[in-house]
């Protein structure tokens, strides 16, 4: 199973420093907790608009996670590739931004 390639992934990898990884993981853990809270609300028959407001909070947290990750990507992966003469990374970034803005 370790050798199986994720059909949604590019196959590329990035070594993150511990600070960046810890910050991103903490954000994901909070989001995971929020999603578990949604499950609890549903199980406890919470009112629809209360659940909707919590979904909005989760969506906002995911968007915030994406902004941090995208900023880190531009500062590291994109900048490093451009400095190395790999301008293809600009097309990759453009495609990523187009998908984010759907």
PDB file of N, CA and C in Angstrom:
ATOM      1  N   UNK A   1       0.815  -1.190   0.000  1.00  0.00           N
ATOM      2  CA  UNK A   1       0.000   0.000   0.000  1.00  0.00           C
ATOM      3  C   UNK A   1       0.859   1.255   0.000  1.00  0.00           C
ATOM      4  N   UNK A   2       2.027   1.224   0.614  1.00  0.00           N
ATOM      5  CA  UNK A   2       2.911   2.386   0.668  1.00  0.00           C
ATOM      6  C   UNK A   2       3.386   2.795  -0.721  1.00  0.00           C
ATOM      7  N   UNK A   3       3.422   1.835  -1.647  1.00  0.00           N
ATOM      8  CA  UNK A   3       3.879   2.132  -3.000  1.00  0.00           C
ATOM      9  C   UNK A   3       2.756   2.630  -3.905  1.00  0.00           C
ATOM     10  N   UNK A   4       1.501   2.536  -3.440  1.00  0.00           N
ATOM     11  CA  UNK A   4       0.385   2.990  -4.251  1.00  0.00           C
ATOM     12  C   UNK A   4       0.431   4.498  -4.379  1.00  0.00           C
ATOM     13  N   UNK A   5       0.181   4.966  -5.606  1.00  0.00           N
ATOM     14  CA  UNK A   5       0.175   6.402  -5.857  1.00  0.00           C
ATOM     15  C   UNK A   5      -1.243   6.928  -5.721  1.00  0.00           C
ATOM     16  N   UNK A   6      -1.380   8.036  -5.046  1.00  0.00           N
ATOM     17  CA  UNK A   6      -2.679   8.686  -4.904  1.00  0.00           C
ATOM     18  C   UNK A   6      -3.107   9.203  -6.273  1.00  0.00           C
ATOM     19  N   UNK A   7      -4.315   8.861  -6.723  1.00  0.00           N
ATOM     20  CA  UNK A   7      -4.752   9.301  -8.056  1.00  0.00           C
ATOM     21  C   UNK A   7      -4.988  10.813  -8.136  1.00  0.00           C
ATOM     22  N   UNK A   8      -5.054  11.482  -6.994  1.00  0.00           N
ATOM     23  CA  UNK A   8      -5.316  12.921  -6.960  1.00  0.00           C
ATOM     24  C   UNK A   8      -4.044  13.748  -6.780  1.00  0.00           C
ATOM     25  N   UNK A   9      -2.926  13.080  -6.549  1.00  0.00           N
ATOM     26  CA  UNK A   9      -1.676  13.790  -6.247  1.00  0.00           C
ATOM     27  C   UNK A   9      -0.777  13.873  -7.476  1.00  0.00           C
ATOM     28  N   UNK A  10       0.084  14.885  -7.494  1.00  0.00           N
ATOM     29  CA  UNK A  10       0.988  15.097  -8.624  1.00  0.00           C
ATOM     30  C   UNK A  10       2.173  14.138  -8.600  1.00  0.00           C
ATOM     31  N   UNK A  11       2.436  13.539  -7.456  1.00  0.00           N
ATOM     32  CA  UNK A  11       3.605  12.682  -7.319  1.00  0.00           C
ATOM     33  C   UNK A  11       4.825  13.446  -6.818  1.00  0.00           C
ATOM     34  N   UNK A  12       4.701  14.770  -6.744  1.00  0.00           N
ATOM     35  CA  UNK A  12       5.792  15.601  -6.237  1.00  0.00           C
ATOM     36  C   UNK A  12       5.747  15.606  -4.713  1.00  0.00           C
ATOM     37  N   UNK A  13       6.873  15.950  -4.099  1.00  0.00           N
ATOM     38  CA  UNK A  13       6.954  16.013  -2.642  1.00  0.00           C
ATOM     39  C   UNK A  13       7.644  17.302  -2.232  1.00  0.00           C
ATOM     40  N   UNK A  14       7.377  17.736  -1.006  1.00  0.00           N
ATOM     41  CA  UNK A  14       8.010  18.936  -0.462  1.00  0.00           C
ATOM     42  C   UNK A  14       8.419  18.667   0.979  1.00  0.00           C
ATOM     43  N   UNK A  15       9.670  18.920   1.259  1.00  0.00           N
ATOM     44  CA  UNK A  15      10.150  18.833   2.630  1.00  0.00           C
ATOM     45  C   UNK A  15       9.789  20.141   3.321  1.00  0.00           C
ATOM     46  N   UNK A  16       8.985  20.056   4.379  1.00  0.00           N
ATOM     47  CA  UNK A  16       8.595  21.242   5.125  1.00  0.00           C
ATOM     48  C   UNK A  16       9.397  21.309   6.414  1.00  0.00           C
ATOM     49  N   UNK A  17       9.745  22.535   6.817  1.00  0.00           N
ATOM     50  CA  UNK A  17      10.419  22.643   8.103  1.00  0.00           C
ATOM     51  C   UNK A  17       9.403  22.351   9.212  1.00  0.00           C
ATOM     52  N   UNK A  18       9.895  22.033  10.377  1.00  0.00           N
ATOM     53  CA  UNK A  18       9.029  21.597  11.481  1.00  0.00           C
ATOM     54  C   UNK A  18       8.014  22.669  11.872  1.00  0.00           C
ATOM     55  N   UNK A  19       8.393  23.934  11.830  1.00  0.00           N
ATOM     56  CA  UNK A  19       7.490  25.021  12.204  1.00  0.00           C
ATOM     57  C   UNK A  19       6.293  25.083  11.254  1.00  0.00           C
ATOM     58  N   UNK A  20       6.577  25.043   9.952  1.00  0.00           N
ATOM     59  CA  UNK A  20       5.512  25.087   8.957  1.00  0.00           C
ATOM     60  C   UNK A  20       4.595  23.875   9.092  1.00  0.00           C
ATOM     61  N   UNK A  21       5.197  22.702   9.215  1.00  0.00           N
ATOM     62  CA  UNK A  21       4.410  21.472   9.321  1.00  0.00           C
ATOM     63  C   UNK A  21       3.525  21.502  10.569  1.00  0.00           C
ATOM     64  N   UNK A  22       4.101  21.946  11.688  1.00  0.00           N
ATOM     65  CA  UNK A  22       3.353  21.999  12.945  1.00  0.00           C
ATOM     66  C   UNK A  22       2.179  22.971  12.833  1.00  0.00           C
ATOM     67  N   UNK A  23       2.410  24.130  12.233  1.00  0.00           N
ATOM     68  CA  UNK A  23       1.344  25.124  12.074  1.00  0.00           C
ATOM     69  C   UNK A  23       0.202  24.568  11.217  1.00  0.00           C
ATOM     70  N   UNK A  24       0.557  23.938  10.102  1.00  0.00           N
ATOM     71  CA  UNK A  24      -0.465  23.374   9.220  1.00  0.00           C
ATOM     72  C   UNK A  24      -1.212  22.226   9.902  1.00  0.00           C
ATOM     73  N   UNK A  25      -0.488  21.370  10.601  1.00  0.00           N
ATOM     74  CA  UNK A  25      -1.131  20.249  11.301  1.00  0.00           C
ATOM     75  C   UNK A  25      -2.076  20.754  12.390  1.00  0.00           C
ATOM     76  N   UNK A  26      -1.673  21.794  13.120  1.00  0.00           N
ATOM     77  CA  UNK A  26      -2.540  22.351  14.156  1.00  0.00           C
ATOM     78  C   UNK A  26      -3.838  22.875  13.555  1.00  0.00           C
ATOM     79  N   UNK A  27      -3.727  23.544  12.416  1.00  0.00           N
ATOM     80  CA  UNK A  27      -4.927  24.041  11.740  1.00  0.00           C
ATOM     81  C   UNK A  27      -5.839  22.882  11.337  1.00  0.00           C
ATOM     82  N   UNK A  28      -5.251  21.837  10.782  1.00  0.00           N
ATOM     83  CA  UNK A  28      -6.054  20.680  10.372  1.00  0.00           C
ATOM     84  C   UNK A  28      -6.715  19.989  11.562  1.00  0.00           C
ATOM     85  N   UNK A  29      -6.011  19.901  12.664  1.00  0.00           N
ATOM     86  CA  UNK A  29      -6.587  19.276  13.866  1.00  0.00           C
ATOM     87  C   UNK A  29      -7.785  20.081  14.360  1.00  0.00           C
ATOM     88  N   UNK A  30      -7.684  21.426  14.317  1.00  0.00           N
ATOM     89  CA  UNK A  30      -8.819  22.260  14.716  1.00  0.00           C
ATOM     90  C   UNK A  30      -9.998  22.038  13.774  1.00  0.00           C
ATOM     91  N   UNK A  31      -9.721  21.968  12.480  1.00  0.00           N
ATOM     92  CA  UNK A  31     -10.785  21.735  11.497  1.00  0.00           C
ATOM     93  C   UNK A  31     -11.422  20.371  11.732  1.00  0.00           C
ATOM     94  N   UNK A  32     -10.590  19.381  11.992  1.00  0.00           N
ATOM     95  CA  UNK A  32     -11.099  18.039  12.280  1.00  0.00           C
ATOM     96  C   UNK A  32     -12.039  18.078  13.487  1.00  0.00           C
ATOM     97  N   UNK A  33     -11.662  18.826  14.503  1.00  0.00           N
ATOM     98  CA  UNK A  33     -12.519  18.978  15.688  1.00  0.00           C
ATOM     99  C   UNK A  33     -13.833  19.659  15.343  1.00  0.00           C
ATOM    100  N   UNK A  34     -13.762  20.661  14.481  1.00  0.00           N
ATOM    101  CA  UNK A  34     -14.984  21.344  14.062  1.00  0.00           C
ATOM    102  C   UNK A  34     -15.916  20.384  13.310  1.00  0.00           C
ATOM    103  N   UNK A  35     -15.340  19.544  12.453  1.00  0.00           N
ATOM    104  CA  UNK A  35     -16.154  18.585  11.698  1.00  0.00           C
ATOM    105  C   UNK A  35     -16.778  17.567  12.658  1.00  0.00           C
ATOM    106  N   UNK A  36     -16.018  17.117  13.642  1.00  0.00           N
ATOM    107  CA  UNK A  36     -16.591  16.202  14.644  1.00  0.00           C
ATOM    108  C   UNK A  36     -17.724  16.896  15.397  1.00  0.00           C
ATOM    109  N   UNK A  37     -17.556  18.186  15.649  1.00  0.00           N
ATOM    110  CA  UNK A  37     -18.631  18.950  16.288  1.00  0.00           C
ATOM    111  C   UNK A  37     -19.884  18.971  15.434  1.00  0.00           C
ATOM    112  N   UNK A  38     -19.712  19.091  14.128  1.00  0.00           N
ATOM    113  CA  UNK A  38     -20.855  19.043  13.209  1.00  0.00           C
ATOM    114  C   UNK A  38     -21.571  17.698  13.298  1.00  0.00           C
ATOM    115  N   UNK A  39     -20.779  16.630  13.349  1.00  0.00           N
ATOM    116  CA  UNK A  39     -21.372  15.298  13.481  1.00  0.00           C
ATOM    117  C   UNK A  39     -22.209  15.208  14.756  1.00  0.00           C
ATOM    118  N   UNK A  40     -21.656  15.749  15.826  1.00  0.00           N
ATOM    119  CA  UNK A  40     -22.370  15.741  17.100  1.00  0.00           C
ATOM    120  C   UNK A  40     -23.653  16.550  17.040  1.00  0.00           C
ATOM    121  N   UNK A  41     -23.575  17.695  16.382  1.00  0.00           N
ATOM    122  CA  UNK A  41     -24.775  18.517  16.233  1.00  0.00           C
ATOM    123  C   UNK A  41     -25.865  17.751  15.484  1.00  0.00           C
ATOM    124  N   UNK A  42     -25.468  17.083  14.418  1.00  0.00           N
ATOM    125  CA  UNK A  42     -26.434  16.322  13.627  1.00  0.00           C
ATOM    126  C   UNK A  42     -27.012  15.167  14.452  1.00  0.00           C
ATOM    127  N   UNK A  43     -26.141  14.458  15.154  1.00  0.00           N
ATOM    128  CA  UNK A  43     -26.594  13.345  15.988  1.00  0.00           C
ATOM    129  C   UNK A  43     -27.548  13.813  17.080  1.00  0.00           C
ATOM    130  N   UNK A  44     -27.341  15.030  17.568  1.00  0.00           N
ATOM    131  CA  UNK A  44     -28.172  15.571  18.645  1.00  0.00           C
ATOM    132  C   UNK A  44     -29.339  16.411  18.129  1.00  0.00           C
ATOM    133  N   UNK A  45     -29.620  16.278  16.843  1.00  0.00           N
ATOM    134  CA  UNK A  45     -30.761  16.958  16.229  1.00  0.00           C
ATOM    135  C   UNK A  45     -30.727  18.472  16.397  1.00  0.00           C
ATOM    136  N   UNK A  46     -29.560  19.057  16.227  1.00  0.00           N
ATOM    137  CA  UNK A  46     -29.441  20.516  16.309  1.00  0.00           C
ATOM    138  C   UNK A  46     -30.253  21.163  15.195  1.00  0.00           C
ATOM    139  N   UNK A  47     -30.629  22.382  15.422  1.00  0.00           N
ATOM    140  CA  UNK A  47     -31.438  23.136  14.464  1.00  0.00           C
ATOM    141  C   UNK A  47     -30.612  23.403  13.197  1.00  0.00           C
ATOM    142  N   UNK A  48     -31.281  23.354  12.050  1.00  0.00           N
ATOM    143  CA  UNK A  48     -30.617  23.458  10.735  1.00  0.00           C
ATOM    144  C   UNK A  48     -29.690  24.668  10.634  1.00  0.00           C
ATOM    145  N   UNK A  49     -30.198  25.848  11.006  1.00  0.00           N
ATOM    146  CA  UNK A  49     -29.366  27.050  10.825  1.00  0.00           C
ATOM    147  C   UNK A  49     -28.151  27.037  11.743  1.00  0.00           C
ATOM    148  N   UNK A  50     -28.264  26.391  12.891  1.00  0.00           N
ATOM    149  CA  UNK A  50     -27.094  26.268  13.773  1.00  0.00           C
ATOM    150  C   UNK A  50     -26.009  25.423  13.103  1.00  0.00           C
ATOM    151  N   UNK A  51     -26.425  24.341  12.468  1.00  0.00           N
ATOM    152  CA  UNK A  51     -25.469  23.486  11.751  1.00  0.00           C
ATOM    153  C   UNK A  51     -24.877  24.252  10.566  1.00  0.00           C
ATOM    154  N   UNK A  52     -25.729  24.955   9.834  1.00  0.00           N
ATOM    155  CA  UNK A  52     -25.257  25.729   8.682  1.00  0.00           C
ATOM    156  C   UNK A  52     -24.202  26.734   9.108  1.00  0.00           C
ATOM    157  N   UNK A  53     -24.395  27.383  10.238  1.00  0.00           N
ATOM    158  CA  UNK A  53     -23.406  28.367  10.707  1.00  0.00           C
ATOM    159  C   UNK A  53     -22.079  27.692  11.058  1.00  0.00           C
ATOM    160  N   UNK A  54     -22.153  26.488  11.602  1.00  0.00           N
ATOM    161  CA  UNK A  54     -20.927  25.751  11.900  1.00  0.00           C
ATOM    162  C   UNK A  54     -20.230  25.294  10.625  1.00  0.00           C
ATOM    163  N   UNK A  55     -20.996  24.912   9.618  1.00  0.00           N
ATOM    164  CA  UNK A  55     -20.411  24.542   8.325  1.00  0.00           C
ATOM    165  C   UNK A  55     -19.683  25.749   7.744  1.00  0.00           C
ATOM    166  N   UNK A  56     -20.265  26.924   7.881  1.00  0.00           N
ATOM    167  CA  UNK A  56     -19.628  28.156   7.409  1.00  0.00           C
ATOM    168  C   UNK A  56     -18.296  28.376   8.130  1.00  0.00           C
ATOM    169  N   UNK A  57     -18.265  28.092   9.421  1.00  0.00           N
ATOM    170  CA  UNK A  57     -17.019  28.239  10.181  1.00  0.00           C
ATOM    171  C   UNK A  57     -15.958  27.254   9.684  1.00  0.00           C
ATOM    172  N   UNK A  58     -16.365  26.014   9.380  1.00  0.00           N
ATOM    173  CA  UNK A  58     -15.427  25.010   8.860  1.00  0.00           C
ATOM    174  C   UNK A  58     -14.908  25.446   7.490  1.00  0.00           C
ATOM    175  N   UNK A  59     -15.803  25.929   6.649  1.00  0.00           N
ATOM    176  CA  UNK A  59     -15.408  26.396   5.318  1.00  0.00           C
ATOM    177  C   UNK A  59     -14.405  27.532   5.431  1.00  0.00           C
ATOM    178  N   UNK A  60     -14.654  28.458   6.340  1.00  0.00           N
ATOM    179  CA  UNK A  60     -13.738  29.575   6.558  1.00  0.00           C
ATOM    180  C   UNK A  60     -12.369  29.079   7.043  1.00  0.00           C
ATOM    181  N   UNK A  61     -12.385  28.105   7.937  1.00  0.00           N
ATOM    182  CA  UNK A  61     -11.125  27.548   8.451  1.00  0.00           C
ATOM    183  C   UNK A  61     -10.348  26.842   7.339  1.00  0.00           C
ATOM    184  N   UNK A  62     -11.044  26.119   6.465  1.00  0.00           N
ATOM    185  CA  UNK A  62     -10.375  25.466   5.332  1.00  0.00           C
ATOM    186  C   UNK A  62      -9.808  26.496   4.359  1.00  0.00           C
ATOM    187  N   UNK A  63     -10.558  27.562   4.110  1.00  0.00           N
ATOM    188  CA  UNK A  63     -10.051  28.628   3.241  1.00  0.00           C
ATOM    189  C   UNK A  63      -8.810  29.277   3.837  1.00  0.00           C
ATOM    190  N   UNK A  64      -8.818  29.479   5.134  1.00  0.00           N
ATOM    191  CA  UNK A  64      -7.652  30.050   5.812  1.00  0.00           C
ATOM    192  C   UNK A  64      -6.451  29.113   5.702  1.00  0.00           C
ATOM    193  N   UNK A  65      -6.679  27.817   5.869  1.00  0.00           N
ATOM    194  CA  UNK A  65      -5.620  26.820   5.708  1.00  0.00           C
ATOM    195  C   UNK A  65      -5.035  26.907   4.301  1.00  0.00           C
ATOM    196  N   UNK A  66      -5.918  26.980   3.299  1.00  0.00           N
ATOM    197  CA  UNK A  66      -5.475  27.074   1.908  1.00  0.00           C
ATOM    198  C   UNK A  66      -4.647  28.329   1.658  1.00  0.00           C
ATOM    199  N   UNK A  67      -5.041  29.445   2.240  1.00  0.00           N
ATOM    200  CA  UNK A  67      -4.297  30.698   2.060  1.00  0.00           C
ATOM    201  C   UNK A  67      -2.886  30.584   2.612  1.00  0.00           C
ATOM    202  N   UNK A  68      -2.763  29.994   3.800  1.00  0.00           N
ATOM    203  CA  UNK A  68      -1.435  29.812   4.404  1.00  0.00           C
ATOM    204  C   UNK A  68      -0.598  28.876   3.551  1.00  0.00           C
ATOM    205  N   UNK A  69      -1.185  27.753   3.134  1.00  0.00           N
ATOM    206  CA  UNK A  69      -0.464  26.770   2.322  1.00  0.00           C
ATOM    207  C   UNK A  69      -0.053  27.366   0.977  1.00  0.00           C
ATOM    208  N   UNK A  70      -0.945  28.112   0.344  1.00  0.00           N
ATOM    209  CA  UNK A  70      -0.630  28.744  -0.935  1.00  0.00           C
ATOM    210  C   UNK A  70       0.483  29.774  -0.781  1.00  0.00           C
ATOM    211  N   UNK A  71       0.420  30.574   0.270  1.00  0.00           N
ATOM    212  CA  UNK A  71       1.479  31.548   0.520  1.00  0.00           C
ATOM    213  C   UNK A  71       2.831  30.875   0.708  1.00  0.00           C
ATOM    214  N   UNK A  72       2.854  29.800   1.487  1.00  0.00           N
ATOM    215  CA  UNK A  72       4.095  29.050   1.687  1.00  0.00           C
ATOM    216  C   UNK A  72       4.584  28.461   0.366  1.00  0.00           C
ATOM    217  N   UNK A  73       3.654  27.960  -0.446  1.00  0.00           N
ATOM    218  CA  UNK A  73       4.010  27.365  -1.739  1.00  0.00           C
ATOM    219  C   UNK A  73       4.672  28.398  -2.649  1.00  0.00           C
ATOM    220  N   UNK A  74       4.088  29.582  -2.717  1.00  0.00           N
ATOM    221  CA  UNK A  74       4.647  30.635  -3.576  1.00  0.00           C
ATOM    222  C   UNK A  74       6.026  31.053  -3.088  1.00  0.00           C
ATOM    223  N   UNK A  75       6.176  31.220  -1.778  1.00  0.00           N
ATOM    224  CA  UNK A  75       7.454  31.677  -1.206  1.00  0.00           C
ATOM    225  C   UNK A  75       8.564  30.646  -1.341  1.00  0.00           C
ATOM    226  N   UNK A  76       8.192  29.370  -1.414  1.00  0.00           N
ATOM    227  CA  UNK A  76       9.227  28.330  -1.446  1.00  0.00           C
ATOM    228  C   UNK A  76       9.265  27.632  -2.807  1.00  0.00           C
ATOM    229  N   UNK A  77       8.305  26.773  -3.058  1.00  0.00           N
ATOM    230  CA  UNK A  77       8.313  25.943  -4.276  1.00  0.00           C
ATOM    231  C   UNK A  77       8.367  26.788  -5.551  1.00  0.00           C
ATOM    232  N   UNK A  78       7.463  27.746  -5.660  1.00  0.00           N
ATOM    233  CA  UNK A  78       7.403  28.549  -6.885  1.00  0.00           C
ATOM    234  C   UNK A  78       8.670  29.382  -7.033  1.00  0.00           C
ATOM    235  N   UNK A  79       9.044  30.094  -5.984  1.00  0.00           N
ATOM    236  CA  UNK A  79      10.230  30.948  -6.058  1.00  0.00           C
ATOM    237  C   UNK A  79      11.493  30.139  -6.353  1.00  0.00           C
ATOM    238  N   UNK A  80      11.647  29.000  -5.697  1.00  0.00           N
ATOM    239  CA  UNK A  80      12.832  28.161  -5.922  1.00  0.00           C
ATOM    240  C   UNK A  80      12.887  27.654  -7.358  1.00  0.00           C
ATOM    241  N   UNK A  81      11.737  27.229  -7.893  1.00  0.00           N
ATOM    242  CA  UNK A  81      11.699  26.745  -9.268  1.00  0.00           C
ATOM    243  C   UNK A  81      12.016  27.849 -10.272  1.00  0.00           C
ATOM    244  N   UNK A  82      11.492  29.029 -10.045  1.00  0.00           N
ATOM    245  CA  UNK A  82      11.782  30.148 -10.955  1.00  0.00           C
ATOM    246  C   UNK A  82      13.270  30.484 -10.913  1.00  0.00           C
ATOM    247  N   UNK A  83      13.833  30.534  -9.705  1.00  0.00           N
ATOM    248  CA  UNK A  83      15.280  30.817  -9.570  1.00  0.00           C
ATOM    249  C   UNK A  83      16.120  29.765 -10.291  1.00  0.00           C
ATOM    250  N   UNK A  84      15.609  28.512 -10.318  1.00  0.00           N
ATOM    251  CA  UNK A  84      16.330  27.417 -10.975  1.00  0.00           C
ATOM    252  C   UNK A  84      16.072  27.380 -12.481  1.00  0.00           C
ATOM    253  N   UNK A  85      15.257  28.317 -12.970  1.00  0.00           N
ATOM    254  CA  UNK A  85      14.998  28.381 -14.400  1.00  0.00           C
ATOM    255  C   UNK A  85      13.815  27.549 -14.864  1.00  0.00           C
ATOM    256  N   UNK A  86      13.048  26.996 -13.939  1.00  0.00           N
ATOM    257  CA  UNK A  86      11.887  26.184 -14.284  1.00  0.00           C
ATOM    258  C   UNK A  86      10.637  27.060 -14.276  1.00  0.00           C
ATOM    259  N   UNK A  87      10.358  27.673 -15.403  1.00  0.00           N
ATOM    260  CA  UNK A  87       9.194  28.551 -15.511  1.00  0.00           C
ATOM    261  C   UNK A  87       7.886  27.786 -15.654  1.00  0.00           C
ATOM    262  N   UNK A  88       7.942  26.468 -15.840  1.00  0.00           N
ATOM    263  CA  UNK A  88       6.723  25.655 -15.913  1.00  0.00           C
ATOM    264  C   UNK A  88       5.906  25.767 -14.626  1.00  0.00           C
ATOM    265  N   UNK A  89       6.583  26.078 -13.541  1.00  0.00           N
ATOM    266  CA  UNK A  89       5.898  26.200 -12.259  1.00  0.00           C
ATOM    267  C   UNK A  89       4.893  27.352 -12.283  1.00  0.00           C
ATOM    268  N   UNK A  90       5.106  28.328 -13.150  1.00  0.00           N
ATOM    269  CA  UNK A  90       4.153  29.438 -13.268  1.00  0.00           C
ATOM    270  C   UNK A  90       2.843  28.935 -13.855  1.00  0.00           C
ATOM    271  N   UNK A  91       2.916  28.090 -14.873  1.00  0.00           N
ATOM    272  CA  UNK A  91       1.704  27.499 -15.445  1.00  0.00           C
ATOM    273  C   UNK A  91       0.978  26.641 -14.407  1.00  0.00           C
ATOM    274  N   UNK A  92       1.746  25.888 -13.637  1.00  0.00           N
ATOM    275  CA  UNK A  92       1.164  25.051 -12.590  1.00  0.00           C
ATOM    276  C   UNK A  92       0.434  25.912 -11.565  1.00  0.00           C
ATOM    277  N   UNK A  93       1.063  27.019 -11.156  1.00  0.00           N
ATOM    278  CA  UNK A  93       0.446  27.924 -10.190  1.00  0.00           C
ATOM    279  C   UNK A  93      -0.817  28.549 -10.773  1.00  0.00           C
ATOM    280  N   UNK A  94      -0.769  28.953 -12.029  1.00  0.00           N
ATOM    281  CA  UNK A  94      -1.938  29.537 -12.683  1.00  0.00           C
ATOM    282  C   UNK A  94      -3.097  28.552 -12.706  1.00  0.00           C
ATOM    283  N   UNK A  95      -2.815  27.303 -13.047  1.00  0.00           N
ATOM    284  CA  UNK A  95      -3.854  26.272 -13.067  1.00  0.00           C
ATOM    285  C   UNK A  95      -4.430  26.041 -11.671  1.00  0.00           C
ATOM    286  N   UNK A  96      -3.572  26.056 -10.676  1.00  0.00           N
ATOM    287  CA  UNK A  96      -4.025  25.871  -9.302  1.00  0.00           C
ATOM    288  C   UNK A  96      -4.943  27.015  -8.890  1.00  0.00           C
ATOM    289  N   UNK A  97      -4.542  28.233  -9.199  1.00  0.00           N
ATOM    290  CA  UNK A  97      -5.367  29.398  -8.844  1.00  0.00           C
ATOM    291  C   UNK A  97      -6.709  29.368  -9.561  1.00  0.00           C
ATOM    292  N   UNK A  98      -6.712  28.939 -10.812  1.00  0.00           N
ATOM    293  CA  UNK A  98      -7.969  28.829 -11.564  1.00  0.00           C
ATOM    294  C   UNK A  98      -8.908  27.828 -10.906  1.00  0.00           C
ATOM    295  N   UNK A  99      -8.364  26.723 -10.430  1.00  0.00           N
ATOM    296  CA  UNK A  99      -9.192  25.714  -9.755  1.00  0.00           C
ATOM    297  C   UNK A  99      -9.729  26.250  -8.416  1.00  0.00           C
ATOM    298  N   UNK A 100      -8.896  27.024  -7.728  1.00  0.00           N
ATOM    299  CA  UNK A 100      -9.326  27.588  -6.439  1.00  0.00           C
ATOM    300  C   UNK A 100     -10.440  28.618  -6.606  1.00  0.00           C
ATOM    301  N   UNK A 101     -10.469  29.285  -7.745  1.00  0.00           N
ATOM    302  CA  UNK A 101     -11.421  30.379  -7.939  1.00  0.00           C
ATOM    303  C   UNK A 101     -12.694  29.960  -8.646  1.00  0.00           C
ATOM    304  N   UNK A 102     -12.949  28.670  -8.743  1.00  0.00           N
ATOM    305  CA  UNK A 102     -14.187  28.190  -9.383  1.00  0.00           C
ATOM    306  C   UNK A 102     -15.391  28.636  -8.599  1.00  0.00           C
TER     307      UNK A 102
END
